[in-house]
């Protein structure tokens, strides 16, 4: 005789609470696209420059359509990104928000974050297929918005911390770099943001950025030319397992967890380190247990990892560490690769920095 399943008893208050979360998350998801639209059209910059203004004023300043701009402003006001004066019909971008959105050298710049989000929307069909098949999705198979978004998203953090806090936290490394003649490898350099910052801070080093993605290397070279650093910085197309040369410092900045062969990359780093050389590993801030990462930052990293990091590693049957690999897994990789020394050197809200030595 068939047994009927008992219907679960539902708590209406929990349903309402969840629907409220759906409304908030859905609005945030659509608003992320509008943040990027505002960047593309110069709306944020114009708001910051003009101060309180009407939709007509903003449309005239940016050569855009007033009715569309008004709707965009209403969305930003509803989300708390801009303020609205009902009596005057004017909208304002608070100075604190402008500092994060439009200030070119802000240590908390957020513009690249939303370009990164938009790149995920552009690749959604490929991500669906990657999740269905497990065949992964290579870095180069994403829209170029991903590459630029990563550069813009990580750049503010690197400018604020790389040479002011992270390198000084490594035992004896800053002294070695400042003494002159040191050689540095920036593995997985992308557009070269970290590479160029190092060259600016330590003018007597010889630094080379390596990346497997040829268009990113081309962009990095152009960035070096524009910064007047092309005579002291070089960029080469190479995988992390094929880096040539010998270096006093090897850097992996927010890239190891994406790699197809992170163990092979760590082994190659041990091989190219000069005697007494140091490896600096920068990774997203994560605990070793899932429950340690169930928070807003962890949500962001797990989402980005699902869209970009994990499928990138799976594209060639890699281990798919994911953006929340955790210290214990990273330590195990480097010990297996031949590093006898591995310690957490610095910590930031979004990053953990490790120091490793092979001898």
Foldseek 3Di string as FASTA:
>chain_A
DDDDDDDDDDDVVVVVVVVVVVVVVVLVLVVLVLLLVCVVQVQLVVLQVPFWDALVVSCVVRVHDSVVSNVSQVSCCVVVQWPADVVVNIIHGDPVSSLQDPDPQRLNHCPLVSLLSVQLVVCVVVLVVCVVPVLFDAPVNTDCSNLVSVCRHCLSNCSVDVVPPQQVLAPPRVVVLQVADFEEEEEQCFLNSNVVVSCVVRVRYAYEYEEQDVVRQVNNCVVCVVVVNNVRYYYDYDHLLDDDAAGQEYEYAAPLLQALCSLSSLLSNQVRYDVNHKYKYKAWDAAQDPVRLPDPLSVVQQVSQSRGRQSNNSNPDGPNCGRRNHDVNVVVSNVVSQWPDKDFRDDDPTITMMMTHND
